[in-house]
């Protein structure tokens, strides 16, 4: 099995949509690399997931908004758990630098 790198194959130009790579999955757990180049969720869209999500920013920066009004700025190394069914959206990702997220989804 070859060794892979989370920072390989990063885009050099803005993408029309986020790039999502499934890195591993088993028994209800999924690990994804998400690459943003300035994307944000549509204003009227909220993620409402059946799973918990642990997410961290490995490169770049982002802002998450929650339907209860909480706003979180995320920088390199920041991480948090978003509990299942806590509605949230990506409000902003830095357009001048690629943002690389690592997200782990697991059962509630």
PDB file of N, CA and C in Angstrom:
ATOM      1  N   UNK A   1       0.848  -1.172   0.000  1.00  0.00           N
ATOM      2  CA  UNK A   1       0.000   0.000   0.000  1.00  0.00           C
ATOM      3  C   UNK A   1       0.900   1.243   0.000  1.00  0.00           C
ATOM      4  N   UNK A   2       0.692   2.154  -0.946  1.00  0.00           N
ATOM      5  CA  UNK A   2       1.542   3.346  -1.018  1.00  0.00           C
ATOM      6  C   UNK A   2       1.192   4.371   0.073  1.00  0.00           C
ATOM      7  N   UNK A   3       2.177   5.129   0.469  1.00  0.00           N
ATOM      8  CA  UNK A   3       1.966   6.241   1.394  1.00  0.00           C
ATOM      9  C   UNK A   3       1.404   7.404   0.592  1.00  0.00           C
ATOM     10  N   UNK A   4       0.379   8.051   1.129  1.00  0.00           N
ATOM     11  CA  UNK A   4      -0.205   9.213   0.468  1.00  0.00           C
ATOM     12  C   UNK A   4      -0.010  10.439   1.346  1.00  0.00           C
ATOM     13  N   UNK A   5      -0.151  11.623   0.761  1.00  0.00           N
ATOM     14  CA  UNK A   5       0.060  12.868   1.485  1.00  0.00           C
ATOM     15  C   UNK A   5      -1.192  13.735   1.368  1.00  0.00           C
ATOM     16  N   UNK A   6      -1.656  14.274   2.496  1.00  0.00           N
ATOM     17  CA  UNK A   6      -2.868  15.109   2.511  1.00  0.00           C
ATOM     18  C   UNK A   6      -2.714  16.395   1.710  1.00  0.00           C
ATOM     19  N   UNK A   7      -1.474  16.801   1.438  1.00  0.00           N
ATOM     20  CA  UNK A   7      -1.244  18.051   0.728  1.00  0.00           C
ATOM     21  C   UNK A   7      -0.860  17.842  -0.737  1.00  0.00           C
ATOM     22  N   UNK A   8      -0.919  16.595  -1.214  1.00  0.00           N
ATOM     23  CA  UNK A   8      -0.602  16.359  -2.620  1.00  0.00           C
ATOM     24  C   UNK A   8      -1.823  16.669  -3.485  1.00  0.00           C
ATOM     25  N   UNK A   9      -1.565  17.018  -4.708  1.00  0.00           N
ATOM     26  CA  UNK A   9      -2.602  17.283  -5.705  1.00  0.00           C
ATOM     27  C   UNK A   9      -3.547  18.408  -5.312  1.00  0.00           C
ATOM     28  N   UNK A  10      -3.048  19.404  -4.601  1.00  0.00           N
ATOM     29  CA  UNK A  10      -3.885  20.559  -4.272  1.00  0.00           C
ATOM     30  C   UNK A  10      -4.038  21.437  -5.512  1.00  0.00           C
ATOM     31  N   UNK A  11      -5.203  22.022  -5.702  1.00  0.00           N
ATOM     32  CA  UNK A  11      -5.415  22.859  -6.889  1.00  0.00           C
ATOM     33  C   UNK A  11      -4.581  24.134  -6.823  1.00  0.00           C
ATOM     34  N   UNK A  12      -4.183  24.600  -7.990  1.00  0.00           N
ATOM     35  CA  UNK A  12      -3.438  25.861  -8.075  1.00  0.00           C
ATOM     36  C   UNK A  12      -4.333  27.005  -8.536  1.00  0.00           C
ATOM     37  N   UNK A  13      -5.549  26.674  -8.959  1.00  0.00           N
ATOM     38  CA  UNK A  13      -6.531  27.663  -9.395  1.00  0.00           C
ATOM     39  C   UNK A  13      -7.829  27.425  -8.627  1.00  0.00           C
ATOM     40  N   UNK A  14      -8.666  28.450  -8.484  1.00  0.00           N
ATOM     41  CA  UNK A  14      -9.962  28.255  -7.829  1.00  0.00           C
ATOM     42  C   UNK A  14     -10.785  27.169  -8.537  1.00  0.00           C
ATOM     43  N   UNK A  15     -11.498  26.400  -7.739  1.00  0.00           N
ATOM     44  CA  UNK A  15     -12.368  25.338  -8.258  1.00  0.00           C
ATOM     45  C   UNK A  15     -13.820  25.807  -8.232  1.00  0.00           C
ATOM     46  N   UNK A  16     -14.683  25.266  -9.098  1.00  0.00           N
ATOM     47  CA  UNK A  16     -16.101  25.646  -9.064  1.00  0.00           C
ATOM     48  C   UNK A  16     -16.817  25.110  -7.823  1.00  0.00           C
ATOM     49  N   UNK A  17     -16.291  24.045  -7.228  1.00  0.00           N
ATOM     50  CA  UNK A  17     -16.885  23.454  -6.022  1.00  0.00           C
ATOM     51  C   UNK A  17     -15.760  22.849  -5.184  1.00  0.00           C
ATOM     52  N   UNK A  18     -16.048  22.607  -3.919  1.00  0.00           N
ATOM     53  CA  UNK A  18     -15.060  21.968  -3.063  1.00  0.00           C
ATOM     54  C   UNK A  18     -14.683  20.602  -3.620  1.00  0.00           C
ATOM     55  N   UNK A  19     -13.455  20.202  -3.356  1.00  0.00           N
ATOM     56  CA  UNK A  19     -12.963  18.886  -3.733  1.00  0.00           C
ATOM     57  C   UNK A  19     -13.033  18.005  -2.488  1.00  0.00           C
ATOM     58  N   UNK A  20     -13.743  16.889  -2.559  1.00  0.00           N
ATOM     59  CA  UNK A  20     -13.930  16.004  -1.408  1.00  0.00           C
ATOM     60  C   UNK A  20     -13.382  14.630  -1.763  1.00  0.00           C
ATOM     61  N   UNK A  21     -12.416  14.160  -0.966  1.00  0.00           N
ATOM     62  CA  UNK A  21     -11.827  12.842  -1.168  1.00  0.00           C
ATOM     63  C   UNK A  21     -12.128  11.974   0.044  1.00  0.00           C
ATOM     64  N   UNK A  22     -12.717  10.817  -0.185  1.00  0.00           N
ATOM     65  CA  UNK A  22     -12.931   9.844   0.877  1.00  0.00           C
ATOM     66  C   UNK A  22     -11.622   9.090   1.078  1.00  0.00           C
ATOM     67  N   UNK A  23     -11.019   9.257   2.248  1.00  0.00           N
ATOM     68  CA  UNK A  23      -9.722   8.645   2.521  1.00  0.00           C
ATOM     69  C   UNK A  23      -9.857   7.247   3.099  1.00  0.00           C
ATOM     70  N   UNK A  24     -10.877   7.033   3.927  1.00  0.00           N
ATOM     71  CA  UNK A  24     -11.093   5.727   4.553  1.00  0.00           C
ATOM     72  C   UNK A  24     -12.519   5.664   5.069  1.00  0.00           C
ATOM     73  N   UNK A  25     -13.053   4.447   5.121  1.00  0.00           N
ATOM     74  CA  UNK A  25     -14.368   4.252   5.717  1.00  0.00           C
ATOM     75  C   UNK A  25     -14.490   2.802   6.173  1.00  0.00           C
ATOM     76  N   UNK A  26     -15.192   2.641   7.278  1.00  0.00           N
ATOM     77  CA  UNK A  26     -15.448   1.306   7.805  1.00  0.00           C
ATOM     78  C   UNK A  26     -16.403   1.414   8.980  1.00  0.00           C
ATOM     79  N   UNK A  27     -17.343   0.516   9.045  1.00  0.00           N
ATOM     80  CA  UNK A  27     -18.247   0.376  10.194  1.00  0.00           C
ATOM     81  C   UNK A  27     -18.820   1.716  10.668  1.00  0.00           C
ATOM     82  N   UNK A  28     -19.357   2.502   9.741  1.00  0.00           N
ATOM     83  CA  UNK A  28     -20.017   3.740  10.112  1.00  0.00           C
ATOM     84  C   UNK A  28     -19.106   4.936  10.312  1.00  0.00           C
ATOM     85  N   UNK A  29     -17.817   4.783  10.075  1.00  0.00           N
ATOM     86  CA  UNK A  29     -16.864   5.886  10.211  1.00  0.00           C
ATOM     87  C   UNK A  29     -16.321   6.224   8.827  1.00  0.00           C
ATOM     88  N   UNK A  30     -16.316   7.528   8.508  1.00  0.00           N
ATOM     89  CA  UNK A  30     -15.766   8.004   7.243  1.00  0.00           C
ATOM     90  C   UNK A  30     -14.765   9.104   7.532  1.00  0.00           C
ATOM     91  N   UNK A  31     -13.648   9.090   6.839  1.00  0.00           N
ATOM     92  CA  UNK A  31     -12.633  10.136   6.954  1.00  0.00           C
ATOM     93  C   UNK A  31     -12.482  10.772   5.580  1.00  0.00           C
ATOM     94  N   UNK A  32     -12.647  12.104   5.551  1.00  0.00           N
ATOM     95  CA  UNK A  32     -12.595  12.830   4.281  1.00  0.00           C
ATOM     96  C   UNK A  32     -11.586  13.967   4.338  1.00  0.00           C
ATOM     97  N   UNK A  33     -10.936  14.190   3.213  1.00  0.00           N
ATOM     98  CA  UNK A  33     -10.170  15.420   3.005  1.00  0.00           C
ATOM     99  C   UNK A  33     -11.053  16.307   2.155  1.00  0.00           C
ATOM    100  N   UNK A  34     -11.233  17.547   2.604  1.00  0.00           N
ATOM    101  CA  UNK A  34     -12.039  18.526   1.878  1.00  0.00           C
ATOM    102  C   UNK A  34     -11.128  19.696   1.536  1.00  0.00           C
ATOM    103  N   UNK A  35     -11.133  20.086   0.276  1.00  0.00           N
ATOM    104  CA  UNK A  35     -10.293  21.188  -0.194  1.00  0.00           C
ATOM    105  C   UNK A  35     -11.205  22.306  -0.676  1.00  0.00           C
ATOM    106  N   UNK A  36     -11.037  23.482  -0.098  1.00  0.00           N
ATOM    107  CA  UNK A  36     -11.831  24.660  -0.458  1.00  0.00           C
ATOM    108  C   UNK A  36     -10.932  25.711  -1.084  1.00  0.00           C
ATOM    109  N   UNK A  37     -11.463  26.386  -2.091  1.00  0.00           N
ATOM    110  CA  UNK A  37     -10.734  27.493  -2.729  1.00  0.00           C
ATOM    111  C   UNK A  37     -11.623  28.726  -2.750  1.00  0.00           C
ATOM    112  N   UNK A  38     -12.108  29.092  -1.558  1.00  0.00           N
ATOM    113  CA  UNK A  38     -12.972  30.260  -1.440  1.00  0.00           C
ATOM    114  C   UNK A  38     -14.450  29.931  -1.393  1.00  0.00           C
ATOM    115  N   UNK A  39     -14.806  28.651  -1.365  1.00  0.00           N
ATOM    116  CA  UNK A  39     -16.221  28.276  -1.362  1.00  0.00           C
ATOM    117  C   UNK A  39     -16.884  28.574  -0.019  1.00  0.00           C
ATOM    118  N   UNK A  40     -18.195  28.714  -0.070  1.00  0.00           N
ATOM    119  CA  UNK A  40     -19.056  28.851   1.103  1.00  0.00           C
ATOM    120  C   UNK A  40     -20.371  28.169   0.780  1.00  0.00           C
ATOM    121  N   UNK A  41     -21.096  27.793   1.823  1.00  0.00           N
ATOM    122  CA  UNK A  41     -22.428  27.212   1.623  1.00  0.00           C
ATOM    123  C   UNK A  41     -23.374  28.286   1.109  1.00  0.00           C
ATOM    124  N   UNK A  42     -24.368  27.914   0.318  1.00  0.00           N
ATOM    125  CA  UNK A  42     -25.386  28.896  -0.077  1.00  0.00           C
ATOM    126  C   UNK A  42     -26.053  29.498   1.171  1.00  0.00           C
ATOM    127  N   UNK A  43     -26.495  30.743   1.062  1.00  0.00           N
ATOM    128  CA  UNK A  43     -27.063  31.460   2.221  1.00  0.00           C
ATOM    129  C   UNK A  43     -28.224  30.725   2.874  1.00  0.00           C
ATOM    130  N   UNK A  44     -29.017  30.010   2.107  1.00  0.00           N
ATOM    131  CA  UNK A  44     -30.200  29.353   2.655  1.00  0.00           C
ATOM    132  C   UNK A  44     -29.982  27.861   2.939  1.00  0.00           C
ATOM    133  N   UNK A  45     -28.721  27.405   2.942  1.00  0.00           N
ATOM    134  CA  UNK A  45     -28.406  25.991   3.125  1.00  0.00           C
ATOM    135  C   UNK A  45     -27.821  25.730   4.509  1.00  0.00           C
ATOM    136  N   UNK A  46     -28.259  24.633   5.135  1.00  0.00           N
ATOM    137  CA  UNK A  46     -27.705  24.198   6.426  1.00  0.00           C
ATOM    138  C   UNK A  46     -27.411  22.710   6.353  1.00  0.00           C
ATOM    139  N   UNK A  47     -26.207  22.314   6.764  1.00  0.00           N
ATOM    140  CA  UNK A  47     -25.934  20.889   6.959  1.00  0.00           C
ATOM    141  C   UNK A  47     -26.718  20.449   8.186  1.00  0.00           C
ATOM    142  N   UNK A  48     -27.400  19.318   8.082  1.00  0.00           N
ATOM    143  CA  UNK A  48     -28.141  18.724   9.192  1.00  0.00           C
ATOM    144  C   UNK A  48     -27.884  17.224   9.119  1.00  0.00           C
ATOM    145  N   UNK A  49     -26.789  16.799   9.696  1.00  0.00           N
ATOM    146  CA  UNK A  49     -26.258  15.452   9.514  1.00  0.00           C
ATOM    147  C   UNK A  49     -26.738  14.496  10.599  1.00  0.00           C
ATOM    148  N   UNK A  50     -26.925  13.236  10.226  1.00  0.00           N
ATOM    149  CA  UNK A  50     -27.300  12.190  11.176  1.00  0.00           C
ATOM    150  C   UNK A  50     -26.110  11.720  12.008  1.00  0.00           C
ATOM    151  N   UNK A  51     -24.901  12.113  11.624  1.00  0.00           N
ATOM    152  CA  UNK A  51     -23.674  11.687  12.291  1.00  0.00           C
ATOM    153  C   UNK A  51     -23.027  12.858  13.023  1.00  0.00           C
ATOM    154  N   UNK A  52     -22.167  12.527  13.992  1.00  0.00           N
ATOM    155  CA  UNK A  52     -21.276  13.522  14.577  1.00  0.00           C
ATOM    156  C   UNK A  52     -20.153  13.762  13.559  1.00  0.00           C
ATOM    157  N   UNK A  53     -19.563  14.947  13.619  1.00  0.00           N
ATOM    158  CA  UNK A  53     -18.436  15.270  12.741  1.00  0.00           C
ATOM    159  C   UNK A  53     -17.333  15.927  13.555  1.00  0.00           C
ATOM    160  N   UNK A  54     -16.148  15.342  13.501  1.00  0.00           N
ATOM    161  CA  UNK A  54     -14.955  15.997  14.042  1.00  0.00           C
ATOM    162  C   UNK A  54     -14.246  16.589  12.836  1.00  0.00           C
ATOM    163  N   UNK A  55     -13.906  17.872  12.901  1.00  0.00           N
ATOM    164  CA  UNK A  55     -13.297  18.539  11.755  1.00  0.00           C
ATOM    165  C   UNK A  55     -12.141  19.411  12.227  1.00  0.00           C
ATOM    166  N   UNK A  56     -11.097  19.462  11.413  1.00  0.00           N
ATOM    167  CA  UNK A  56      -9.950  20.325  11.695  1.00  0.00           C
ATOM    168  C   UNK A  56      -9.509  21.009  10.407  1.00  0.00           C
ATOM    169  N   UNK A  57      -8.885  22.168  10.552  1.00  0.00           N
ATOM    170  CA  UNK A  57      -8.299  22.890   9.422  1.00  0.00           C
ATOM    171  C   UNK A  57      -6.794  22.639   9.449  1.00  0.00           C
ATOM    172  N   UNK A  58      -6.285  22.061   8.362  1.00  0.00           N
ATOM    173  CA  UNK A  58      -4.860  21.762   8.246  1.00  0.00           C
ATOM    174  C   UNK A  58      -4.093  22.867   7.528  1.00  0.00           C
ATOM    175  N   UNK A  59      -4.789  23.619   6.699  1.00  0.00           N
ATOM    176  CA  UNK A  59      -4.182  24.718   5.936  1.00  0.00           C
ATOM    177  C   UNK A  59      -5.283  25.703   5.605  1.00  0.00           C
ATOM    178  N   UNK A  60      -4.950  26.987   5.582  1.00  0.00           N
ATOM    179  CA  UNK A  60      -5.930  28.003   5.229  1.00  0.00           C
ATOM    180  C   UNK A  60      -6.736  28.459   6.429  1.00  0.00           C
ATOM    181  N   UNK A  61      -7.955  28.900   6.176  1.00  0.00           N
ATOM    182  CA  UNK A  61      -8.828  29.414   7.235  1.00  0.00           C
ATOM    183  C   UNK A  61     -10.275  29.317   6.763  1.00  0.00           C
ATOM    184  N   UNK A  62     -11.189  29.323   7.746  1.00  0.00           N
ATOM    185  CA  UNK A  62     -12.613  29.193   7.426  1.00  0.00           C
ATOM    186  C   UNK A  62     -13.445  29.800   8.548  1.00  0.00           C
ATOM    187  N   UNK A  63     -14.714  30.011   8.245  1.00  0.00           N
ATOM    188  CA  UNK A  63     -15.669  30.473   9.249  1.00  0.00           C
ATOM    189  C   UNK A  63     -16.913  29.597   9.143  1.00  0.00           C
ATOM    190  N   UNK A  64     -17.318  29.035  10.272  1.00  0.00           N
ATOM    191  CA  UNK A  64     -18.539  28.229  10.350  1.00  0.00           C
ATOM    192  C   UNK A  64     -19.610  29.016  11.073  1.00  0.00           C
ATOM    193  N   UNK A  65     -20.843  28.893  10.622  1.00  0.00           N
ATOM    194  CA  UNK A  65     -21.992  29.506  11.287  1.00  0.00           C
ATOM    195  C   UNK A  65     -22.956  28.391  11.681  1.00  0.00           C
ATOM    196  N   UNK A  66     -23.598  28.577  12.819  1.00  0.00           N
ATOM    197  CA  UNK A  66     -24.562  27.622  13.335  1.00  0.00           C
ATOM    198  C   UNK A  66     -25.919  28.303  13.421  1.00  0.00           C
ATOM    199  N   UNK A  67     -26.991  27.502  13.321  1.00  0.00           N
ATOM    200  CA  UNK A  67     -28.330  28.091  13.279  1.00  0.00           C
ATOM    201  C   UNK A  67     -28.734  28.746  14.590  1.00  0.00           C
ATOM    202  N   UNK A  68     -27.972  28.512  15.673  1.00  0.00           N
ATOM    203  CA  UNK A  68     -28.259  29.189  16.939  1.00  0.00           C
ATOM    204  C   UNK A  68     -27.553  30.544  17.034  1.00  0.00           C
ATOM    205  N   UNK A  69     -26.857  30.955  15.951  1.00  0.00           N
ATOM    206  CA  UNK A  69     -26.190  32.245  15.910  1.00  0.00           C
ATOM    207  C   UNK A  69     -24.703  32.202  16.227  1.00  0.00           C
ATOM    208  N   UNK A  70     -24.192  31.058  16.687  1.00  0.00           N
ATOM    209  CA  UNK A  70     -22.757  30.967  16.982  1.00  0.00           C
ATOM    210  C   UNK A  70     -21.960  31.014  15.685  1.00  0.00           C
ATOM    211  N   UNK A  71     -20.857  31.747  15.709  1.00  0.00           N
ATOM    212  CA  UNK A  71     -19.949  31.861  14.576  1.00  0.00           C
ATOM    213  C   UNK A  71     -18.558  31.497  15.071  1.00  0.00           C
ATOM    214  N   UNK A  72     -17.883  30.593  14.373  1.00  0.00           N
ATOM    215  CA  UNK A  72     -16.548  30.158  14.765  1.00  0.00           C
ATOM    216  C   UNK A  72     -15.567  30.397  13.632  1.00  0.00           C
ATOM    217  N   UNK A  73     -14.493  31.099  13.943  1.00  0.00           N
ATOM    218  CA  UNK A  73     -13.383  31.256  13.004  1.00  0.00           C
ATOM    219  C   UNK A  73     -12.444  30.071  13.225  1.00  0.00           C
ATOM    220  N   UNK A  74     -12.009  29.452  12.142  1.00  0.00           N
ATOM    221  CA  UNK A  74     -11.094  28.322  12.247  1.00  0.00           C
ATOM    222  C   UNK A  74      -9.813  28.627  11.484  1.00  0.00           C
ATOM    223  N   UNK A  75      -8.708  28.436  12.177  1.00  0.00           N
ATOM    224  CA  UNK A  75      -7.373  28.629  11.609  1.00  0.00           C
ATOM    225  C   UNK A  75      -6.635  27.294  11.655  1.00  0.00           C
ATOM    226  N   UNK A  76      -5.433  27.240  11.138  1.00  0.00           N
ATOM    227  CA  UNK A  76      -4.639  26.019  11.118  1.00  0.00           C
ATOM    228  C   UNK A  76      -4.528  25.427  12.522  1.00  0.00           C
ATOM    229  N   UNK A  77      -4.876  24.166  12.630  1.00  0.00           N
ATOM    230  CA  UNK A  77      -4.792  23.443  13.897  1.00  0.00           C
ATOM    231  C   UNK A  77      -6.058  23.464  14.721  1.00  0.00           C
ATOM    232  N   UNK A  78      -6.984  24.361  14.419  1.00  0.00           N
ATOM    233  CA  UNK A  78      -8.245  24.401  15.161  1.00  0.00           C
ATOM    234  C   UNK A  78      -9.082  23.175  14.791  1.00  0.00           C
ATOM    235  N   UNK A  79      -9.775  22.635  15.786  1.00  0.00           N
ATOM    236  CA  UNK A  79     -10.658  21.500  15.525  1.00  0.00           C
ATOM    237  C   UNK A  79     -11.836  21.540  16.477  1.00  0.00           C
ATOM    238  N   UNK A  80     -12.923  20.876  16.091  1.00  0.00           N
ATOM    239  CA  UNK A  80     -14.106  20.816  16.934  1.00  0.00           C
ATOM    240  C   UNK A  80     -14.963  19.634  16.547  1.00  0.00           C
ATOM    241  N   UNK A  81     -15.880  19.279  17.454  1.00  0.00           N
ATOM    242  CA  UNK A  81     -16.886  18.261  17.184  1.00  0.00           C
ATOM    243  C   UNK A  81     -18.208  18.982  16.938  1.00  0.00           C
ATOM    244  N   UNK A  82     -18.842  18.650  15.834  1.00  0.00           N
ATOM    245  CA  UNK A  82     -20.177  19.152  15.526  1.00  0.00           C
ATOM    246  C   UNK A  82     -21.124  17.979  15.765  1.00  0.00           C
ATOM    247  N   UNK A  83     -21.932  18.097  16.783  1.00  0.00           N
ATOM    248  CA  UNK A  83     -22.838  17.009  17.122  1.00  0.00           C
ATOM    249  C   UNK A  83     -23.871  16.787  16.027  1.00  0.00           C
ATOM    250  N   UNK A  84     -24.332  15.558  15.919  1.00  0.00           N
ATOM    251  CA  UNK A  84     -25.357  15.207  14.938  1.00  0.00           C
ATOM    252  C   UNK A  84     -26.547  16.154  15.069  1.00  0.00           C
ATOM    253  N   UNK A  85     -27.081  16.561  13.948  1.00  0.00           N
ATOM    254  CA  UNK A  85     -28.254  17.434  13.822  1.00  0.00           C
ATOM    255  C   UNK A  85     -28.038  18.849  14.355  1.00  0.00           C
ATOM    256  N   UNK A  86     -26.785  19.247  14.594  1.00  0.00           N
ATOM    257  CA  UNK A  86     -26.530  20.661  14.881  1.00  0.00           C
ATOM    258  C   UNK A  86     -26.349  21.340  13.532  1.00  0.00           C
ATOM    259  N   UNK A  87     -27.323  22.134  13.153  1.00  0.00           N
ATOM    260  CA  UNK A  87     -27.311  22.754  11.834  1.00  0.00           C
ATOM    261  C   UNK A  87     -26.174  23.760  11.738  1.00  0.00           C
ATOM    262  N   UNK A  88     -25.428  23.652  10.632  1.00  0.00           N
ATOM    263  CA  UNK A  88     -24.280  24.524  10.418  1.00  0.00           C
ATOM    264  C   UNK A  88     -24.046  24.707   8.925  1.00  0.00           C
ATOM    265  N   UNK A  89     -23.239  25.700   8.634  1.00  0.00           N
ATOM    266  CA  UNK A  89     -22.882  25.978   7.248  1.00  0.00           C
ATOM    267  C   UNK A  89     -21.486  26.583   7.215  1.00  0.00           C
ATOM    268  N   UNK A  90     -20.837  26.482   6.082  1.00  0.00           N
ATOM    269  CA  UNK A  90     -19.542  27.132   5.868  1.00  0.00           C
ATOM    270  C   UNK A  90     -19.851  28.536   5.360  1.00  0.00           C
ATOM    271  N   UNK A  91     -19.485  29.529   6.153  1.00  0.00           N
ATOM    272  CA  UNK A  91     -19.776  30.925   5.802  1.00  0.00           C
ATOM    273  C   UNK A  91     -18.703  31.525   4.903  1.00  0.00           C
ATOM    274  N   UNK A  92     -17.459  31.017   5.033  1.00  0.00           N
ATOM    275  CA  UNK A  92     -16.341  31.616   4.299  1.00  0.00           C
ATOM    276  C   UNK A  92     -15.142  30.688   4.360  1.00  0.00           C
ATOM    277  N   UNK A  93     -14.396  30.598   3.277  1.00  0.00           N
ATOM    278  CA  UNK A  93     -13.055  30.010   3.275  1.00  0.00           C
ATOM    279  C   UNK A  93     -12.148  30.977   2.536  1.00  0.00           C
ATOM    280  N   UNK A  94     -10.910  31.022   2.940  1.00  0.00           N
ATOM    281  CA  UNK A  94      -9.995  32.007   2.373  1.00  0.00           C
ATOM    282  C   UNK A  94      -9.822  31.804   0.866  1.00  0.00           C
ATOM    283  N   UNK A  95     -10.052  32.862   0.088  1.00  0.00           N
ATOM    284  CA  UNK A  95      -9.919  32.742  -1.363  1.00  0.00           C
ATOM    285  C   UNK A  95      -8.470  32.840  -1.842  1.00  0.00           C
ATOM    286  N   UNK A  96      -7.570  33.384  -1.015  1.00  0.00           N
ATOM    287  CA  UNK A  96      -6.197  33.579  -1.458  1.00  0.00           C
ATOM    288  C   UNK A  96      -5.277  32.418  -1.099  1.00  0.00           C
ATOM    289  N   UNK A  97      -5.796  31.444  -0.372  1.00  0.00           N
ATOM    290  CA  UNK A  97      -5.022  30.263  -0.006  1.00  0.00           C
ATOM    291  C   UNK A  97      -5.973  29.065   0.025  1.00  0.00           C
ATOM    292  N   UNK A  98      -5.502  27.940  -0.436  1.00  0.00           N
ATOM    293  CA  UNK A  98      -6.306  26.720  -0.386  1.00  0.00           C
ATOM    294  C   UNK A  98      -6.535  26.339   1.072  1.00  0.00           C
ATOM    295  N   UNK A  99      -7.781  26.029   1.409  1.00  0.00           N
ATOM    296  CA  UNK A  99      -8.103  25.534   2.747  1.00  0.00           C
ATOM    297  C   UNK A  99      -8.256  24.025   2.669  1.00  0.00           C
ATOM    298  N   UNK A 100      -7.510  23.330   3.531  1.00  0.00           N
ATOM    299  CA  UNK A 100      -7.560  21.874   3.590  1.00  0.00           C
ATOM    300  C   UNK A 100      -8.156  21.482   4.933  1.00  0.00           C
ATOM    301  N   UNK A 101      -9.261  20.751   4.879  1.00  0.00           N
ATOM    302  CA  UNK A 101      -9.948  20.255   6.067  1.00  0.00           C
ATOM    303  C   UNK A 101      -9.722  18.745   6.167  1.00  0.00           C
ATOM    304  N   UNK A 102      -9.754  18.229   7.365  1.00  0.00           N
ATOM    305  CA  UNK A 102      -9.849  16.793   7.592  1.00  0.00           C
ATOM    306  C   UNK A 102     -11.102  16.593   8.443  1.00  0.00           C
ATOM    307  N   UNK A 103     -12.012  15.754   7.964  1.00  0.00           N
ATOM    308  CA  UNK A 103     -13.282  15.545   8.644  1.00  0.00           C
ATOM    309  C   UNK A 103     -13.489  14.055   8.909  1.00  0.00           C
ATOM    310  N   UNK A 104     -13.902  13.745  10.132  1.00  0.00           N
ATOM    311  CA  UNK A 104     -14.208  12.376  10.517  1.00  0.00           C
ATOM    312  C   UNK A 104     -15.683  12.333  10.924  1.00  0.00           C
ATOM    313  N   UNK A 105     -16.447  11.496  10.251  1.00  0.00           N
ATOM    314  CA  UNK A 105     -17.878  11.335  10.532  1.00  0.00           C
ATOM    315  C   UNK A 105     -18.052  10.006  11.246  1.00  0.00           C
ATOM    316  N   UNK A 106     -18.825  10.012  12.343  1.00  0.00           N
ATOM    317  CA  UNK A 106     -19.013   8.787  13.113  1.00  0.00           C
ATOM    318  C   UNK A 106     -20.422   8.773  13.716  1.00  0.00           C
ATOM    319  N   UNK A 107     -20.934   7.567  14.042  1.00  0.00           N
ATOM    320  CA  UNK A 107     -22.332   7.458  14.490  1.00  0.00           C
ATOM    321  C   UNK A 107     -22.645   8.270  15.727  1.00  0.00           C
ATOM    322  N   UNK A 108     -23.882   8.760  15.751  1.00  0.00           N
ATOM    323  CA  UNK A 108     -24.359   9.520  16.924  1.00  0.00           C
ATOM    324  C   UNK A 108     -24.642   8.559  18.058  1.00  0.00           C
TER     325      UNK A 108
END
